[in-house]
N, C-alpha and C. Protein backbone atom coordinates (compact mmCIF):
# COMPACT_ATOMS: atom_id res chain seq x y z
N LEU A 1 -22.60 18.04 1.21
CA LEU A 1 -24.04 17.93 0.95
C LEU A 1 -24.26 16.14 0.56
N TYR A 2 -24.79 15.27 1.74
CA TYR A 2 -25.54 13.95 1.28
C TYR A 2 -26.97 13.90 1.33
N LEU A 3 -27.38 13.61 -0.36
CA LEU A 3 -28.87 13.53 -0.23
C LEU A 3 -29.76 12.50 0.27
N VAL A 4 -29.26 11.43 0.58
CA VAL A 4 -30.06 10.90 1.58
C VAL A 4 -30.49 11.27 3.31
N PRO A 5 -31.72 11.49 3.52
CA PRO A 5 -32.21 11.79 4.67
C PRO A 5 -31.55 11.20 5.89
N GLN A 6 -31.42 12.03 7.24
CA GLN A 6 -31.14 10.91 8.39
C GLN A 6 -32.47 9.94 8.81
N LEU A 7 -31.75 8.99 9.07
CA LEU A 7 -33.61 8.52 9.33
C LEU A 7 -33.41 7.98 10.61
N GLY A 8 -34.45 7.18 11.48
CA GLY A 8 -34.06 6.54 12.67
C GLY A 8 -34.63 7.27 13.61
N SER A 9 -34.78 6.57 14.94
CA SER A 9 -35.34 7.14 16.24
C SER A 9 -34.13 7.94 16.94
N PRO A 10 -34.35 8.73 17.84
CA PRO A 10 -33.24 9.17 18.43
C PRO A 10 -32.36 8.06 19.31
N PHE A 11 -33.25 6.79 19.94
CA PHE A 11 -32.90 5.56 20.51
C PHE A 11 -32.09 4.89 19.74
N SER A 12 -32.11 4.90 18.43
CA SER A 12 -31.28 3.68 17.64
C SER A 12 -30.24 4.32 16.59
N MET A 13 -29.05 3.55 16.23
CA MET A 13 -28.44 3.79 15.58
C MET A 13 -28.90 4.64 14.03
N LYS A 14 -28.42 5.81 13.81
CA LYS A 14 -28.80 6.15 12.42
C LYS A 14 -28.13 5.77 10.89
N TYR A 15 -28.53 5.62 10.26
CA TYR A 15 -27.70 5.42 8.92
C TYR A 15 -29.00 6.58 7.93
N GLY A 16 -28.48 7.60 7.33
CA GLY A 16 -28.73 7.94 6.75
C GLY A 16 -27.42 9.13 5.93
N GLY A 17 -27.88 9.90 5.57
CA GLY A 17 -26.73 10.80 4.31
C GLY A 17 -25.45 10.96 4.82
N GLN A 18 -25.31 11.46 6.06
CA GLN A 18 -24.02 11.47 6.70
C GLN A 18 -23.34 10.30 6.80
N GLU A 19 -23.76 9.09 7.33
CA GLU A 19 -23.00 7.96 7.44
C GLU A 19 -22.54 7.53 6.15
N LEU A 20 -23.83 7.37 5.09
CA LEU A 20 -23.31 7.06 3.72
C LEU A 20 -22.19 7.59 3.21
N GLY A 21 -22.40 9.24 2.89
CA GLY A 21 -21.55 9.37 2.56
C GLY A 21 -20.10 9.68 2.94
N ASN A 22 -19.73 9.47 4.52
CA ASN A 22 -18.57 9.31 4.88
C ASN A 22 -18.10 7.61 4.72
N SER A 23 -19.21 6.50 4.86
CA SER A 23 -18.37 5.65 4.18
C SER A 23 -17.91 5.35 3.03
N VAL A 24 -18.80 6.01 1.81
CA VAL A 24 -18.32 6.25 0.72
C VAL A 24 -16.79 6.77 0.20
N ASN A 25 -16.66 8.02 1.18
CA ASN A 25 -15.39 8.46 1.01
C ASN A 25 -14.25 8.05 1.60
N THR A 26 -14.63 7.25 2.70
CA THR A 26 -13.39 6.30 2.98
C THR A 26 -13.31 5.38 2.52
N TRP A 27 -13.99 4.54 2.00
CA TRP A 27 -13.69 3.48 0.99
C TRP A 27 -13.18 3.91 -0.16
N SER A 28 -13.28 4.76 -0.78
CA SER A 28 -12.42 5.84 -2.06
C SER A 28 -11.26 6.01 -1.74
N SER A 29 -10.89 6.18 -0.62
CA SER A 29 -9.98 6.66 -0.21
C SER A 29 -8.71 5.18 0.07
N VAL A 30 -9.56 4.32 0.53
CA VAL A 30 -8.93 3.07 0.70
C VAL A 30 -8.74 2.14 -0.50
N ALA A 31 -9.33 3.10 -1.78
CA ALA A 31 -9.45 1.81 -3.38
C ALA A 31 -8.27 2.54 -3.94
N ARG A 32 -8.14 4.06 -3.83
CA ARG A 32 -7.22 5.45 -4.04
C ARG A 32 -5.50 4.86 -3.62
N ASP A 33 -5.66 4.20 -2.44
CA ASP A 33 -4.22 3.60 -1.81
C ASP A 33 -3.53 2.73 -2.33
N LEU A 34 -4.75 1.64 -2.78
CA LEU A 34 -4.64 0.06 -3.33
C LEU A 34 -4.31 0.46 -4.73
N ALA A 35 -4.92 1.24 -5.50
CA ALA A 35 -4.03 1.72 -6.72
C ALA A 35 -3.18 2.06 -6.79
N GLY A 36 -2.54 2.76 -5.79
CA GLY A 36 -1.17 3.48 -5.93
C GLY A 36 -0.59 2.39 -5.56
N ILE A 37 -0.71 1.67 -4.76
CA ILE A 37 0.62 0.81 -4.47
C ILE A 37 0.73 -0.27 -5.29
N ALA A 38 -0.32 -0.74 -6.05
CA ALA A 38 -0.01 -1.56 -7.47
C ALA A 38 0.33 -0.95 -8.49
N GLU A 39 -0.11 0.34 -8.40
CA GLU A 39 1.36 1.10 -9.48
C GLU A 39 2.67 1.47 -9.09
N ALA A 40 2.76 1.21 -8.03
CA ALA A 40 4.12 1.53 -7.58
C ALA A 40 4.78 -0.10 -7.68
N ILE A 41 3.94 -1.10 -7.50
CA ILE A 41 4.96 -2.24 -7.44
C ILE A 41 5.03 -2.63 -8.71
N ALA A 42 4.24 -1.93 -9.83
CA ALA A 42 4.02 -2.66 -11.57
C ALA A 42 5.61 -1.88 -11.87
N ALA A 43 5.51 -0.38 -11.77
CA ALA A 43 6.64 0.34 -12.17
C ALA A 43 8.32 -0.22 -11.95
N SER A 44 8.19 -0.80 -10.22
CA SER A 44 9.25 -1.05 -10.04
C SER A 44 9.68 -2.90 -10.15
N ALA A 45 8.81 -3.57 -10.79
CA ALA A 45 8.73 -4.60 -11.29
C ALA A 45 9.06 -4.50 -12.64
N GLY A 46 8.80 -3.87 -13.36
CA GLY A 46 8.92 -3.40 -14.70
C GLY A 46 10.64 -3.01 -14.93
N LEU A 47 11.09 -2.04 -14.20
CA LEU A 47 12.55 -1.68 -14.12
C LEU A 47 13.40 -2.84 -13.75
N GLU A 48 12.76 -3.92 -12.57
CA GLU A 48 13.60 -5.14 -12.14
C GLU A 48 13.94 -6.21 -13.71
N GLN A 49 12.76 -6.34 -14.11
CA GLN A 49 12.49 -7.14 -14.98
C GLN A 49 13.78 -6.33 -16.27
N ALA A 50 13.73 -5.21 -16.52
CA ALA A 50 14.73 -4.29 -17.48
C ALA A 50 16.02 -4.92 -17.16
N GLY A 51 16.04 -5.30 -15.65
CA GLY A 51 18.07 -5.43 -15.42
C GLY A 51 18.09 -3.99 -14.85
N GLN A 52 17.21 -3.29 -14.59
CA GLN A 52 17.85 -2.17 -13.88
C GLN A 52 17.34 -2.18 -12.26
N THR A 53 18.12 -2.73 -11.77
CA THR A 53 18.07 -2.80 -10.22
C THR A 53 18.07 -1.92 -9.39
N LYS A 54 19.05 -1.11 -9.61
CA LYS A 54 19.20 -0.27 -8.61
C LYS A 54 18.15 0.50 -8.60
N ALA A 55 17.73 1.47 -10.00
CA ALA A 55 16.19 1.80 -10.43
C ALA A 55 15.11 1.31 -9.54
N ALA A 56 14.96 -0.06 -9.42
CA ALA A 56 14.07 -1.02 -9.01
C ALA A 56 14.14 -0.84 -7.76
N GLY A 57 15.19 -0.63 -7.04
CA GLY A 57 15.19 -0.66 -5.23
C GLY A 57 14.93 0.87 -5.00
N GLU A 58 15.54 1.83 -6.01
CA GLU A 58 15.03 3.27 -5.55
C GLU A 58 13.57 3.64 -5.34
N ALA A 59 12.62 2.83 -6.50
CA ALA A 59 11.36 2.76 -6.73
C ALA A 59 10.66 1.68 -6.11
N TYR A 60 11.20 1.19 -5.43
CA TYR A 60 11.00 0.02 -4.03
C TYR A 60 10.78 1.30 -2.88
N GLN A 61 11.68 1.75 -2.70
CA GLN A 61 12.13 2.89 -1.52
C GLN A 61 11.20 3.62 -1.63
N ALA A 62 10.91 4.39 -2.73
CA ALA A 62 10.10 5.41 -2.32
C ALA A 62 8.57 4.82 -2.39
N GLY A 63 7.93 3.96 -3.18
CA GLY A 63 7.16 3.06 -2.34
C GLY A 63 6.63 2.95 -1.11
N LEU A 64 8.13 2.37 -0.32
CA LEU A 64 7.52 2.45 0.72
C LEU A 64 7.85 3.57 1.73
N ARG A 65 8.56 4.40 1.30
CA ARG A 65 8.05 6.10 2.07
C ARG A 65 6.60 6.53 2.23
N LEU A 66 5.75 6.21 1.00
CA LEU A 66 4.41 6.36 1.49
C LEU A 66 3.61 4.88 1.92
N TRP A 67 4.23 4.07 1.60
CA TRP A 67 2.96 2.93 1.57
C TRP A 67 4.31 1.78 3.00
N PRO A 68 4.68 2.31 3.94
CA PRO A 68 5.43 1.26 4.71
C PRO A 68 5.12 0.07 5.36
N GLU A 69 3.32 -0.04 5.37
CA GLU A 69 3.04 -1.17 5.55
C GLU A 69 2.59 -2.17 4.46
N SER A 70 3.53 -1.70 3.44
CA SER A 70 3.21 -2.75 1.87
C SER A 70 4.06 -3.90 2.07
N LEU A 71 3.81 -5.20 2.01
CA LEU A 71 4.80 -6.06 2.16
C LEU A 71 5.00 -6.82 0.91
N ALA A 72 4.47 -6.79 0.14
CA ALA A 72 4.88 -6.70 -1.52
C ALA A 72 6.04 -5.89 -1.95
N LEU A 73 5.88 -4.44 -1.61
CA LEU A 73 6.97 -3.12 -1.66
C LEU A 73 8.48 -4.00 -1.19
N ARG A 74 8.06 -4.29 0.31
CA ARG A 74 9.23 -4.33 1.36
C ARG A 74 9.97 -5.87 0.41
N MET A 75 9.23 -6.68 0.19
CA MET A 75 9.44 -8.10 -0.46
C MET A 75 10.56 -7.83 -1.77
N GLY A 76 9.70 -6.86 -2.80
CA GLY A 76 10.27 -6.35 -4.00
C GLY A 76 12.00 -5.67 -3.80
N LEU A 77 11.91 -4.74 -2.48
CA LEU A 77 13.17 -4.43 -2.36
C LEU A 77 14.13 -5.29 -1.84
N GLY A 78 13.56 -5.98 -1.10
CA GLY A 78 14.72 -7.56 -0.60
C GLY A 78 15.51 -8.47 -1.93
N ASN A 79 13.97 -8.26 -2.72
CA ASN A 79 14.67 -8.94 -4.12
C ASN A 79 15.55 -8.31 -4.83
N THR A 80 15.70 -7.32 -5.06
CA THR A 80 16.79 -5.72 -5.70
C THR A 80 17.73 -6.06 -5.00
N ARG A 81 17.62 -5.88 -3.64
CA ARG A 81 19.41 -6.22 -2.71
C ARG A 81 19.79 -7.40 -3.25
N TYR A 82 19.37 -8.75 -3.05
CA TYR A 82 19.85 -9.87 -3.31
C TYR A 82 19.94 -9.89 -4.91
N ALA A 83 19.43 -8.97 -5.95
CA ALA A 83 20.23 -9.02 -7.23
C ALA A 83 21.43 -8.28 -7.02
N GLU A 84 21.39 -7.40 -6.22
CA GLU A 84 22.78 -6.53 -6.30
C GLU A 84 23.75 -7.34 -5.67
N GLY A 85 23.71 -8.12 -4.85
CA GLY A 85 24.65 -9.04 -3.95
C GLY A 85 24.68 -8.22 -2.77
N ARG A 86 23.98 -7.34 -2.15
CA ARG A 86 23.93 -7.04 -1.29
C ARG A 86 23.08 -7.82 0.20
N LEU A 87 23.29 -8.88 -0.01
CA LEU A 87 22.75 -10.21 0.76
C LEU A 87 22.12 -9.65 2.63
N ALA A 88 23.08 -8.94 2.80
CA ALA A 88 23.03 -8.71 4.59
C ALA A 88 21.61 -7.32 4.59
N GLU A 89 21.75 -6.86 3.72
CA GLU A 89 20.45 -5.78 3.66
C GLU A 89 19.55 -6.46 3.46
N ARG A 90 19.27 -7.70 2.53
CA ARG A 90 18.39 -8.24 2.03
C ARG A 90 17.50 -9.24 3.12
N ARG A 91 18.61 -9.72 4.09
CA ARG A 91 18.52 -10.74 5.10
C ARG A 91 17.49 -9.31 6.07
N GLY A 92 17.84 -8.24 6.40
CA GLY A 92 17.12 -7.32 7.06
C GLY A 92 16.19 -7.06 6.70
N GLU A 93 15.40 -6.78 4.94
CA GLU A 93 14.30 -6.59 4.32
C GLU A 93 13.18 -7.94 4.73
N CYS A 94 13.92 -9.04 4.72
CA CYS A 94 13.07 -10.13 4.86
C CYS A 94 12.74 -10.23 6.38
N ALA A 95 13.62 -10.22 7.05
CA ALA A 95 13.16 -10.16 8.73
C ALA A 95 11.94 -8.85 8.70
N GLN A 96 12.03 -7.84 8.07
CA GLN A 96 11.11 -6.87 8.17
C GLN A 96 9.70 -7.29 7.71
N PHE A 97 9.73 -7.88 6.50
CA PHE A 97 8.33 -8.61 5.84
C PHE A 97 8.22 -9.77 6.51
N ILE A 98 8.80 -10.33 7.61
CA ILE A 98 8.31 -11.48 8.08
C ILE A 98 7.48 -10.70 9.22
N GLU A 99 8.26 -10.02 10.07
CA GLU A 99 7.42 -9.25 11.08
C GLU A 99 6.20 -8.71 10.82
N GLY A 100 6.15 -8.27 9.43
CA GLY A 100 4.67 -7.85 9.01
C GLY A 100 3.79 -8.42 9.21
N PHE A 101 3.88 -9.68 9.07
CA PHE A 101 2.82 -10.77 9.52
C PHE A 101 2.76 -10.96 10.82
N ALA A 102 3.58 -10.44 11.40
CA ALA A 102 3.06 -11.01 13.31
C ALA A 102 2.31 -10.06 13.84
């Protein structure tokens, strides 16, 4: 139940309780997703800095399963592939990273 009443004439767009509530719910979902992506990047980068490139790569992959559009996670995965000497896979990650901008 949204407390703000529906306002407006039947011939105009209405901005009231239902619309305001839906907007707040949508923006809270966006903020929650952004926080989750930032947390995944921070955890993966920490593993990468500690020299645990295999674990970091797995963490980046787990993040990409949840947020496949994240360019930062894809770039991080490419960096771990490079650190492991898996250059062909890094090229593939970089190509997908660049395609994300198109």
